[in-house]
Amino acid sequence: MNANRKTPAYSPDNRDDAPELDDEWFARADVHENGRLISRGRPPVEHPKQRVTLRLDGDVVAALRASGRGWQTRVNQALKEWIGKGAA
């Protein structure tokens, strides 16, 4: 027998060793409808963000990144505000 092989947590031959199917187990289980897997995760948004390529000066990018986590979201908000002011 291979010494590196892990032994299973339970043996299929001994049903007493099988894990209990509790509420937590069912909460993590996959959901199927009519044979199709229902995907989990965030629901689709009406106006999803788009990936773009934008070339900025190095010192600008360094300052934005130095401002901490969420800097891209803050840039997005600043651009929204600027466009709102420019459109008025």
N, C-alpha and C. Protein backbone atom coordinates (compact mmCIF):
# COMPACT_ATOMS: atom_id res chain seq x y z
N MET A 1 0.84 -1.18 0.00
CA MET A 1 0.00 0.00 0.00
C MET A 1 0.88 1.24 0.00
N ASN A 2 0.45 2.28 -0.69
CA ASN A 2 1.20 3.51 -0.78
C ASN A 2 1.06 4.31 0.51
N ALA A 3 2.17 4.63 1.17
CA ALA A 3 2.14 5.33 2.45
C ALA A 3 1.72 6.79 2.29
N ASN A 4 1.86 7.35 1.09
CA ASN A 4 1.50 8.75 0.87
C ASN A 4 0.01 8.95 0.65
N ARG A 5 -0.70 7.91 0.35
CA ARG A 5 -2.13 8.01 0.06
C ARG A 5 -2.91 8.26 1.34
N LYS A 6 -3.77 9.28 1.32
CA LYS A 6 -4.57 9.59 2.50
C LYS A 6 -5.73 8.61 2.59
N THR A 7 -6.07 8.26 3.79
CA THR A 7 -7.21 7.38 3.99
C THR A 7 -8.47 8.23 3.99
N PRO A 8 -9.56 7.72 3.45
CA PRO A 8 -10.79 8.50 3.41
C PRO A 8 -11.33 8.76 4.82
N ALA A 9 -12.11 9.85 4.95
CA ALA A 9 -12.68 10.20 6.26
C ALA A 9 -13.67 9.14 6.71
N TYR A 10 -14.27 8.45 5.77
CA TYR A 10 -15.19 7.37 6.12
C TYR A 10 -15.08 6.29 5.06
N SER A 11 -15.52 5.12 5.42
CA SER A 11 -15.49 4.00 4.51
C SER A 11 -16.88 3.79 3.92
N PRO A 12 -17.02 3.65 2.61
CA PRO A 12 -18.34 3.42 2.04
C PRO A 12 -18.96 2.11 2.51
N ASP A 13 -18.11 1.21 3.01
CA ASP A 13 -18.62 -0.06 3.50
C ASP A 13 -19.26 0.06 4.88
N ASN A 14 -18.92 1.09 5.62
CA ASN A 14 -19.44 1.26 6.96
C ASN A 14 -20.22 2.57 7.02
N ARG A 15 -21.52 2.50 6.90
CA ARG A 15 -22.36 3.69 6.85
C ARG A 15 -22.36 4.47 8.17
N ASP A 16 -21.95 3.84 9.26
CA ASP A 16 -21.87 4.55 10.54
C ASP A 16 -20.78 5.61 10.52
N ASP A 17 -19.80 5.48 9.61
CA ASP A 17 -18.71 6.44 9.52
C ASP A 17 -19.05 7.61 8.59
N ALA A 18 -20.17 7.55 7.92
CA ALA A 18 -20.54 8.60 6.97
C ALA A 18 -20.84 9.90 7.72
N PRO A 19 -20.47 11.07 7.11
CA PRO A 19 -20.75 12.34 7.79
C PRO A 19 -22.25 12.59 7.87
N GLU A 20 -22.65 13.31 8.91
CA GLU A 20 -24.06 13.64 9.09
C GLU A 20 -24.45 14.74 8.11
N LEU A 21 -25.62 14.60 7.51
CA LEU A 21 -26.11 15.60 6.57
C LEU A 21 -26.95 16.60 7.35
N ASP A 22 -26.29 17.67 7.80
CA ASP A 22 -26.98 18.68 8.61
C ASP A 22 -27.36 19.89 7.75
N ASP A 23 -27.93 20.91 8.37
CA ASP A 23 -28.37 22.11 7.65
C ASP A 23 -27.21 22.80 6.94
N GLU A 24 -26.03 22.82 7.57
CA GLU A 24 -24.86 23.45 6.96
C GLU A 24 -24.48 22.73 5.67
N TRP A 25 -24.51 21.41 5.69
CA TRP A 25 -24.17 20.63 4.50
C TRP A 25 -25.13 20.95 3.36
N PHE A 26 -26.44 21.02 3.66
CA PHE A 26 -27.42 21.32 2.62
C PHE A 26 -27.29 22.76 2.12
N ALA A 27 -26.88 23.69 3.00
CA ALA A 27 -26.70 25.09 2.59
C ALA A 27 -25.58 25.21 1.56
N ARG A 28 -24.56 24.35 1.64
CA ARG A 28 -23.44 24.39 0.70
C ARG A 28 -23.68 23.55 -0.55
N ALA A 29 -24.74 22.77 -0.58
CA ALA A 29 -24.99 21.84 -1.67
C ALA A 29 -25.35 22.59 -2.96
N ASP A 30 -25.05 21.97 -4.09
CA ASP A 30 -25.44 22.52 -5.39
C ASP A 30 -26.94 22.37 -5.58
N VAL A 31 -27.55 23.34 -6.23
CA VAL A 31 -28.98 23.32 -6.50
C VAL A 31 -29.17 23.05 -7.99
N HIS A 32 -30.01 22.07 -8.31
CA HIS A 32 -30.31 21.73 -9.70
C HIS A 32 -31.81 21.88 -9.95
N GLU A 33 -32.15 22.41 -11.13
CA GLU A 33 -33.54 22.47 -11.57
C GLU A 33 -33.60 21.89 -12.98
N ASN A 34 -34.44 20.91 -13.17
CA ASN A 34 -34.59 20.24 -14.46
C ASN A 34 -33.25 19.77 -15.02
N GLY A 35 -32.40 19.28 -14.15
CA GLY A 35 -31.12 18.73 -14.58
C GLY A 35 -30.05 19.78 -14.82
N ARG A 36 -30.34 21.07 -14.62
CA ARG A 36 -29.35 22.13 -14.83
C ARG A 36 -28.90 22.69 -13.48
N LEU A 37 -27.59 22.93 -13.37
CA LEU A 37 -27.04 23.51 -12.16
C LEU A 37 -27.41 24.99 -12.10
N ILE A 38 -27.98 25.40 -10.99
CA ILE A 38 -28.32 26.80 -10.78
C ILE A 38 -27.08 27.47 -10.20
N SER A 39 -26.56 28.46 -10.90
CA SER A 39 -25.33 29.10 -10.46
C SER A 39 -25.60 29.98 -9.24
N ARG A 40 -24.57 30.06 -8.41
CA ARG A 40 -24.65 30.89 -7.22
C ARG A 40 -23.83 32.15 -7.46
N GLY A 41 -23.79 32.99 -6.48
CA GLY A 41 -22.98 34.19 -6.58
C GLY A 41 -23.85 35.42 -6.68
N ARG A 42 -23.22 36.50 -7.07
CA ARG A 42 -23.94 37.75 -7.17
C ARG A 42 -24.93 37.71 -8.33
N PRO A 43 -26.07 38.34 -8.14
CA PRO A 43 -27.01 38.42 -9.27
C PRO A 43 -26.47 39.38 -10.32
N PRO A 44 -26.85 39.21 -11.57
CA PRO A 44 -26.36 40.11 -12.62
C PRO A 44 -26.85 41.53 -12.36
N VAL A 45 -26.00 42.51 -12.67
CA VAL A 45 -26.35 43.91 -12.48
C VAL A 45 -26.88 44.49 -13.80
N GLU A 46 -27.66 45.54 -13.68
CA GLU A 46 -28.27 46.15 -14.86
C GLU A 46 -27.21 46.81 -15.75
N HIS A 47 -26.25 47.48 -15.13
CA HIS A 47 -25.19 48.16 -15.88
C HIS A 47 -23.83 47.70 -15.36
N PRO A 48 -23.33 46.56 -15.87
CA PRO A 48 -22.05 46.05 -15.35
C PRO A 48 -20.89 46.95 -15.75
N LYS A 49 -19.86 46.95 -14.92
CA LYS A 49 -18.66 47.73 -15.23
C LYS A 49 -17.93 47.09 -16.39
N GLN A 50 -17.21 47.92 -17.13
CA GLN A 50 -16.46 47.44 -18.29
C GLN A 50 -14.98 47.60 -18.04
N ARG A 51 -14.22 46.63 -18.52
CA ARG A 51 -12.76 46.71 -18.42
C ARG A 51 -12.25 47.61 -19.54
N VAL A 52 -11.39 48.56 -19.16
CA VAL A 52 -10.78 49.47 -20.14
C VAL A 52 -9.29 49.55 -19.88
N THR A 53 -8.56 50.01 -20.88
CA THR A 53 -7.14 50.28 -20.72
C THR A 53 -6.97 51.79 -20.76
N LEU A 54 -6.28 52.31 -19.77
CA LEU A 54 -6.10 53.74 -19.64
C LEU A 54 -4.64 54.00 -19.30
N ARG A 55 -4.00 54.87 -20.06
CA ARG A 55 -2.60 55.18 -19.80
C ARG A 55 -2.50 56.46 -18.98
N LEU A 56 -1.87 56.35 -17.81
CA LEU A 56 -1.71 57.48 -16.90
C LEU A 56 -0.24 57.66 -16.57
N ASP A 57 0.14 58.86 -16.13
CA ASP A 57 1.51 59.11 -15.70
C ASP A 57 1.81 58.23 -14.48
N GLY A 58 3.06 57.81 -14.38
CA GLY A 58 3.48 56.93 -13.29
C GLY A 58 3.25 57.53 -11.92
N ASP A 59 3.50 58.85 -11.77
CA ASP A 59 3.31 59.47 -10.47
C ASP A 59 1.84 59.53 -10.08
N VAL A 60 0.94 59.63 -11.06
CA VAL A 60 -0.50 59.62 -10.79
C VAL A 60 -0.92 58.24 -10.29
N VAL A 61 -0.47 57.21 -10.98
CA VAL A 61 -0.82 55.84 -10.58
C VAL A 61 -0.24 55.53 -9.19
N ALA A 62 0.99 55.96 -8.94
CA ALA A 62 1.61 55.71 -7.63
C ALA A 62 0.81 56.38 -6.52
N ALA A 63 0.38 57.62 -6.75
CA ALA A 63 -0.40 58.33 -5.74
C ALA A 63 -1.75 57.65 -5.51
N LEU A 64 -2.39 57.20 -6.59
CA LEU A 64 -3.68 56.52 -6.44
C LEU A 64 -3.53 55.23 -5.66
N ARG A 65 -2.53 54.44 -6.00
CA ARG A 65 -2.31 53.17 -5.30
C ARG A 65 -1.92 53.40 -3.84
N ALA A 66 -1.17 54.47 -3.60
CA ALA A 66 -0.75 54.77 -2.23
C ALA A 66 -1.93 55.16 -1.35
N SER A 67 -3.05 55.54 -1.97
CA SER A 67 -4.23 55.94 -1.18
C SER A 67 -4.92 54.73 -0.55
N GLY A 68 -4.49 53.53 -0.91
CA GLY A 68 -5.01 52.33 -0.27
C GLY A 68 -6.02 51.57 -1.10
N ARG A 69 -6.54 50.51 -0.46
CA ARG A 69 -7.51 49.64 -1.14
C ARG A 69 -8.72 50.45 -1.57
N GLY A 70 -9.28 50.08 -2.72
CA GLY A 70 -10.46 50.75 -3.23
C GLY A 70 -10.16 51.96 -4.08
N TRP A 71 -8.88 52.13 -4.46
CA TRP A 71 -8.52 53.31 -5.23
C TRP A 71 -9.21 53.34 -6.58
N GLN A 72 -9.42 52.19 -7.20
CA GLN A 72 -10.09 52.17 -8.50
C GLN A 72 -11.55 52.59 -8.37
N THR A 73 -12.19 52.19 -7.30
CA THR A 73 -13.57 52.60 -7.05
C THR A 73 -13.64 54.10 -6.83
N ARG A 74 -12.66 54.66 -6.10
CA ARG A 74 -12.64 56.11 -5.89
C ARG A 74 -12.40 56.85 -7.19
N VAL A 75 -11.54 56.34 -8.06
CA VAL A 75 -11.32 56.97 -9.37
C VAL A 75 -12.62 56.94 -10.17
N ASN A 76 -13.32 55.81 -10.14
CA ASN A 76 -14.60 55.69 -10.85
C ASN A 76 -15.59 56.74 -10.35
N GLN A 77 -15.68 56.89 -9.02
CA GLN A 77 -16.60 57.87 -8.43
C GLN A 77 -16.20 59.30 -8.82
N ALA A 78 -14.90 59.60 -8.80
CA ALA A 78 -14.43 60.94 -9.18
C ALA A 78 -14.77 61.24 -10.64
N LEU A 79 -14.62 60.26 -11.50
CA LEU A 79 -14.96 60.46 -12.92
C LEU A 79 -16.46 60.67 -13.09
N LYS A 80 -17.26 59.94 -12.34
CA LYS A 80 -18.71 60.13 -12.40
C LYS A 80 -19.09 61.55 -12.00
N GLU A 81 -18.46 62.05 -10.91
CA GLU A 81 -18.74 63.40 -10.46
C GLU A 81 -18.29 64.43 -11.49
N TRP A 82 -17.13 64.21 -12.09
CA TRP A 82 -16.60 65.14 -13.09
C TRP A 82 -17.50 65.19 -14.33
N ILE A 83 -17.97 64.02 -14.75
CA ILE A 83 -18.86 63.97 -15.91
C ILE A 83 -20.18 64.65 -15.58
N GLY A 84 -20.67 64.45 -14.38
CA GLY A 84 -21.91 65.11 -13.96
C GLY A 84 -21.78 66.61 -13.97
N LYS A 85 -20.64 67.13 -13.53
CA LYS A 85 -20.40 68.59 -13.52
C LYS A 85 -20.21 69.10 -14.93
N GLY A 86 -19.54 68.31 -15.78
CA GLY A 86 -19.28 68.74 -17.16
C GLY A 86 -20.54 68.72 -18.01
N ALA A 87 -21.48 67.85 -17.69
CA ALA A 87 -22.70 67.72 -18.49
C ALA A 87 -23.72 68.79 -18.14
N ALA A 88 -23.60 69.40 -16.97
CA ALA A 88 -24.60 70.39 -16.52
C ALA A 88 -24.47 71.72 -17.20
